[in-house]
């Protein structure tokens, strides 16, 4: 009871860091043209940070039709898997494995 009342449980801390990481990644992607890091590397890092396998990121393609303001959708192709990645500021990325 006592450790959850203050909101300091391990899962709450993890959720805050995940959301902070997703927000950071969205900002970085929005300014990727000014950075040396490529979108494929940024999207792959987010996928890995959330526990999905991506041995070697091959390409990331932005899905402009599926994207919305403040919600960017990417298709990430890795050497061992492919994902549809939806990035929303202040939230964890939604990652769906593709077959």
N, C-alpha and C. Protein backbone atom coordinates (compact mmCIF):
# COMPACT_ATOMS: atom_id res chain seq x y z
N UNK A 1 0.81 -1.19 0.00
CA UNK A 1 0.00 0.00 0.00
C UNK A 1 0.85 1.26 0.00
N UNK A 2 1.80 1.33 0.93
CA UNK A 2 2.57 2.55 1.12
C UNK A 2 3.41 2.93 -0.08
N UNK A 3 4.02 1.95 -0.79
CA UNK A 3 4.90 2.32 -1.89
C UNK A 3 4.14 2.75 -3.13
N UNK A 4 2.89 2.36 -3.29
CA UNK A 4 2.10 2.78 -4.46
C UNK A 4 1.40 4.12 -4.22
N UNK A 5 1.16 4.46 -2.97
CA UNK A 5 0.44 5.70 -2.67
C UNK A 5 1.19 6.92 -3.17
N UNK A 6 2.52 6.90 -3.09
CA UNK A 6 3.30 8.03 -3.53
C UNK A 6 3.57 8.02 -5.02
N UNK A 7 3.17 6.99 -5.73
CA UNK A 7 3.40 6.91 -7.17
C UNK A 7 4.85 6.61 -7.52
N UNK A 8 5.58 6.01 -6.59
CA UNK A 8 6.99 5.77 -6.81
C UNK A 8 7.30 4.31 -7.12
N UNK A 9 6.33 3.56 -7.54
CA UNK A 9 6.59 2.16 -7.85
C UNK A 9 7.50 2.07 -9.06
N UNK A 10 8.17 0.95 -9.19
CA UNK A 10 9.09 0.75 -10.31
C UNK A 10 8.39 0.88 -11.66
N UNK A 11 7.17 0.37 -11.75
CA UNK A 11 6.45 0.46 -13.02
C UNK A 11 6.10 1.90 -13.38
N UNK A 12 5.79 2.70 -12.39
CA UNK A 12 5.49 4.12 -12.65
C UNK A 12 6.75 4.84 -13.13
N UNK A 13 7.88 4.55 -12.49
CA UNK A 13 9.14 5.19 -12.92
C UNK A 13 9.48 4.76 -14.35
N UNK A 14 9.30 3.46 -14.63
CA UNK A 14 9.59 2.97 -15.98
C UNK A 14 8.68 3.65 -17.00
N UNK A 15 7.40 3.79 -16.68
CA UNK A 15 6.45 4.42 -17.59
C UNK A 15 6.83 5.87 -17.85
N UNK A 16 7.23 6.57 -16.81
CA UNK A 16 7.65 7.97 -16.99
C UNK A 16 8.86 8.07 -17.90
N UNK A 17 9.84 7.19 -17.71
CA UNK A 17 11.03 7.22 -18.55
C UNK A 17 10.69 6.83 -19.98
N UNK A 18 9.81 5.87 -20.16
CA UNK A 18 9.40 5.47 -21.51
C UNK A 18 8.72 6.63 -22.22
N UNK A 19 7.80 7.30 -21.53
CA UNK A 19 7.11 8.43 -22.13
C UNK A 19 8.08 9.57 -22.43
N UNK A 20 8.99 9.82 -21.51
CA UNK A 20 9.99 10.87 -21.73
C UNK A 20 10.86 10.51 -22.93
N UNK A 21 11.24 9.24 -23.04
CA UNK A 21 12.05 8.80 -24.17
C UNK A 21 11.31 8.95 -25.49
N UNK A 22 10.03 8.61 -25.49
CA UNK A 22 9.23 8.74 -26.72
C UNK A 22 9.09 10.21 -27.11
N UNK A 23 8.89 11.06 -26.15
CA UNK A 23 8.77 12.49 -26.43
C UNK A 23 10.09 13.02 -27.01
N UNK A 24 11.18 12.61 -26.40
CA UNK A 24 12.49 13.01 -26.89
C UNK A 24 12.70 12.54 -28.33
N UNK A 25 12.34 11.29 -28.60
CA UNK A 25 12.52 10.74 -29.94
C UNK A 25 11.67 11.50 -30.96
N UNK A 26 10.46 11.88 -30.59
CA UNK A 26 9.59 12.62 -31.51
C UNK A 26 10.20 13.98 -31.84
N UNK A 27 10.77 14.63 -30.85
CA UNK A 27 11.41 15.93 -31.08
C UNK A 27 12.63 15.75 -31.97
N UNK A 28 13.41 14.73 -31.70
CA UNK A 28 14.60 14.48 -32.52
C UNK A 28 14.21 14.18 -33.96
N UNK A 29 13.17 13.37 -34.15
CA UNK A 29 12.72 13.07 -35.51
C UNK A 29 12.23 14.32 -36.23
N UNK A 30 11.57 15.19 -35.49
CA UNK A 30 11.05 16.41 -36.10
C UNK A 30 12.18 17.31 -36.59
N UNK A 31 13.34 17.21 -35.94
CA UNK A 31 14.47 18.05 -36.33
C UNK A 31 15.59 17.24 -36.96
N UNK A 32 15.28 16.06 -37.48
CA UNK A 32 16.30 15.16 -38.03
C UNK A 32 17.08 15.79 -39.17
N UNK A 33 16.47 16.71 -39.91
CA UNK A 33 17.18 17.31 -41.02
C UNK A 33 18.35 18.17 -40.54
N UNK A 34 18.31 18.62 -39.30
CA UNK A 34 19.39 19.43 -38.75
C UNK A 34 20.42 18.58 -38.02
N UNK A 35 20.09 17.36 -37.73
CA UNK A 35 20.99 16.48 -37.00
C UNK A 35 21.75 15.57 -37.96
N UNK A 36 22.85 15.01 -37.48
CA UNK A 36 23.61 14.09 -38.30
C UNK A 36 23.02 12.69 -38.27
N UNK A 37 22.25 12.40 -37.24
CA UNK A 37 21.65 11.07 -37.11
C UNK A 37 20.50 10.93 -38.10
N UNK A 38 20.41 9.75 -38.70
CA UNK A 38 19.39 9.49 -39.71
C UNK A 38 18.11 8.98 -39.05
N UNK A 39 16.95 9.24 -39.68
CA UNK A 39 15.68 8.75 -39.11
C UNK A 39 15.67 7.24 -38.87
N UNK A 40 16.31 6.46 -39.75
CA UNK A 40 16.32 5.01 -39.57
C UNK A 40 16.97 4.64 -38.24
N UNK A 41 18.04 5.35 -37.87
CA UNK A 41 18.74 5.08 -36.61
C UNK A 41 17.90 5.51 -35.41
N UNK A 42 17.20 6.61 -35.55
CA UNK A 42 16.38 7.12 -34.45
C UNK A 42 15.18 6.21 -34.20
N UNK A 43 14.48 5.81 -35.27
CA UNK A 43 13.33 4.92 -35.13
C UNK A 43 13.77 3.57 -34.58
N UNK A 44 14.88 3.05 -35.08
CA UNK A 44 15.39 1.76 -34.59
C UNK A 44 15.76 1.84 -33.11
N UNK A 45 16.33 2.94 -32.69
CA UNK A 45 16.68 3.11 -31.27
C UNK A 45 15.43 3.08 -30.39
N UNK A 46 14.36 3.72 -30.85
CA UNK A 46 13.10 3.71 -30.09
C UNK A 46 12.54 2.30 -30.00
N UNK A 47 12.58 1.57 -31.10
CA UNK A 47 12.08 0.20 -31.14
C UNK A 47 12.86 -0.67 -30.15
N UNK A 48 14.17 -0.53 -30.19
CA UNK A 48 15.02 -1.31 -29.27
C UNK A 48 14.78 -0.92 -27.82
N UNK A 49 14.63 0.39 -27.57
CA UNK A 49 14.42 0.89 -26.21
C UNK A 49 13.15 0.31 -25.60
N UNK A 50 12.18 -0.02 -26.44
CA UNK A 50 10.93 -0.58 -25.96
C UNK A 50 10.93 -2.11 -26.00
N UNK A 51 12.10 -2.71 -26.19
CA UNK A 51 12.25 -4.15 -26.03
C UNK A 51 12.06 -5.01 -27.26
N UNK A 52 12.00 -4.40 -28.45
CA UNK A 52 11.84 -5.18 -29.68
C UNK A 52 13.21 -5.41 -30.33
N UNK A 53 13.32 -6.51 -31.05
CA UNK A 53 14.58 -6.86 -31.71
C UNK A 53 14.72 -6.12 -33.03
N UNK A 54 15.89 -5.53 -33.23
CA UNK A 54 16.25 -4.93 -34.52
C UNK A 54 17.76 -5.00 -34.60
N UNK A 55 18.25 -6.11 -35.15
CA UNK A 55 19.70 -6.34 -35.19
C UNK A 55 20.41 -5.28 -36.02
N UNK A 56 19.94 -5.07 -37.24
CA UNK A 56 20.53 -4.05 -38.11
C UNK A 56 19.40 -3.31 -38.81
N UNK A 57 19.29 -2.04 -38.55
CA UNK A 57 18.24 -1.23 -39.18
C UNK A 57 18.64 -0.97 -40.63
N UNK A 58 17.78 -1.39 -41.55
CA UNK A 58 18.08 -1.24 -42.97
C UNK A 58 17.47 0.02 -43.57
N UNK A 59 16.21 0.29 -43.22
CA UNK A 59 15.55 1.51 -43.72
C UNK A 59 14.32 1.84 -42.89
N UNK A 60 13.99 3.12 -42.90
CA UNK A 60 12.77 3.61 -42.26
C UNK A 60 12.09 4.52 -43.28
N UNK A 61 10.84 4.21 -43.56
CA UNK A 61 10.07 4.99 -44.53
C UNK A 61 8.89 5.63 -43.82
N UNK A 62 8.76 6.94 -43.97
CA UNK A 62 7.64 7.64 -43.34
C UNK A 62 6.37 7.39 -44.14
N UNK A 63 5.31 7.02 -43.44
CA UNK A 63 4.00 6.80 -44.05
C UNK A 63 3.21 8.09 -43.90
N UNK A 64 3.27 8.93 -44.92
CA UNK A 64 2.64 10.26 -44.84
C UNK A 64 1.11 10.16 -44.77
N UNK A 65 0.53 9.16 -45.42
CA UNK A 65 -0.93 9.01 -45.38
C UNK A 65 -1.43 8.63 -44.00
N UNK A 66 -0.68 7.76 -43.31
CA UNK A 66 -1.09 7.31 -41.98
C UNK A 66 -0.70 8.31 -40.89
N UNK A 67 0.25 9.19 -41.18
CA UNK A 67 0.69 10.18 -40.20
C UNK A 67 -0.34 11.28 -40.05
N UNK A 68 -0.35 11.86 -38.86
CA UNK A 68 -1.23 12.98 -38.54
C UNK A 68 -0.39 14.05 -37.87
N UNK A 69 -0.95 15.26 -37.68
CA UNK A 69 -0.19 16.25 -36.91
C UNK A 69 0.15 15.68 -35.53
N UNK A 70 1.40 15.79 -35.16
CA UNK A 70 1.91 15.30 -33.87
C UNK A 70 1.81 13.78 -33.72
N UNK A 71 1.71 13.06 -34.82
CA UNK A 71 1.66 11.59 -34.80
C UNK A 71 2.28 11.08 -36.09
N UNK A 72 3.54 10.71 -36.03
CA UNK A 72 4.28 10.29 -37.20
C UNK A 72 4.35 8.77 -37.27
N UNK A 73 4.07 8.22 -38.45
CA UNK A 73 4.08 6.77 -38.64
C UNK A 73 5.23 6.41 -39.59
N UNK A 74 6.00 5.41 -39.16
CA UNK A 74 7.14 4.94 -39.92
C UNK A 74 7.03 3.43 -40.13
N UNK A 75 7.56 2.95 -41.24
CA UNK A 75 7.75 1.52 -41.45
C UNK A 75 9.25 1.29 -41.33
N UNK A 76 9.63 0.49 -40.33
CA UNK A 76 11.03 0.20 -40.07
C UNK A 76 11.34 -1.22 -40.52
N UNK A 77 12.36 -1.36 -41.36
CA UNK A 77 12.79 -2.69 -41.82
C UNK A 77 14.17 -2.94 -41.22
N UNK A 78 14.25 -4.02 -40.44
CA UNK A 78 15.50 -4.46 -39.84
C UNK A 78 15.92 -5.77 -40.51
N UNK A 79 17.13 -6.19 -40.26
CA UNK A 79 17.62 -7.43 -40.88
C UNK A 79 16.84 -8.65 -40.39
N UNK A 80 16.25 -8.57 -39.21
CA UNK A 80 15.56 -9.72 -38.63
C UNK A 80 14.07 -9.50 -38.39
N UNK A 81 13.53 -8.32 -38.66
CA UNK A 81 12.11 -8.04 -38.41
C UNK A 81 11.73 -6.72 -39.08
N UNK A 82 10.41 -6.51 -39.21
CA UNK A 82 9.88 -5.25 -39.73
C UNK A 82 8.77 -4.78 -38.80
N UNK A 83 8.65 -3.46 -38.66
CA UNK A 83 7.68 -2.89 -37.72
C UNK A 83 6.99 -1.67 -38.31
N UNK A 84 5.77 -1.44 -37.88
CA UNK A 84 5.09 -0.17 -38.11
C UNK A 84 5.20 0.56 -36.78
N UNK A 85 5.77 1.76 -36.80
CA UNK A 85 6.07 2.51 -35.58
C UNK A 85 5.31 3.83 -35.63
N UNK A 86 4.48 4.04 -34.62
CA UNK A 86 3.69 5.28 -34.51
C UNK A 86 4.27 6.09 -33.35
N UNK A 87 4.84 7.26 -33.67
CA UNK A 87 5.46 8.12 -32.66
C UNK A 87 4.53 9.28 -32.32
N UNK A 88 4.24 9.41 -31.04
CA UNK A 88 3.38 10.48 -30.53
C UNK A 88 4.12 11.14 -29.38
N UNK A 89 4.23 12.48 -29.36
CA UNK A 89 4.92 13.14 -28.26
C UNK A 89 4.32 12.77 -26.90
N UNK A 90 5.17 12.65 -25.90
CA UNK A 90 4.78 12.38 -24.51
C UNK A 90 4.13 11.02 -24.30
N UNK A 91 4.32 10.11 -25.23
CA UNK A 91 3.76 8.76 -25.09
C UNK A 91 4.78 7.74 -25.61
N UNK A 92 4.64 6.52 -25.16
CA UNK A 92 5.47 5.45 -25.71
C UNK A 92 5.05 5.23 -27.17
N UNK A 93 6.01 4.83 -27.99
CA UNK A 93 5.69 4.54 -29.39
C UNK A 93 4.80 3.31 -29.46
N UNK A 94 3.89 3.30 -30.42
CA UNK A 94 3.09 2.11 -30.68
C UNK A 94 3.82 1.34 -31.76
N UNK A 95 4.22 0.12 -31.45
CA UNK A 95 5.04 -0.67 -32.35
C UNK A 95 4.29 -1.96 -32.69
N UNK A 96 4.03 -2.13 -33.98
CA UNK A 96 3.33 -3.33 -34.45
C UNK A 96 4.25 -4.11 -35.38
N UNK A 97 4.56 -5.37 -35.04
CA UNK A 97 5.37 -6.19 -35.93
C UNK A 97 4.63 -6.43 -37.25
N UNK A 98 5.37 -6.41 -38.36
CA UNK A 98 4.81 -6.69 -39.68
C UNK A 98 5.29 -8.06 -40.10
N UNK A 99 4.50 -8.74 -40.89
CA UNK A 99 4.88 -10.08 -41.37
C UNK A 99 5.41 -10.02 -42.78
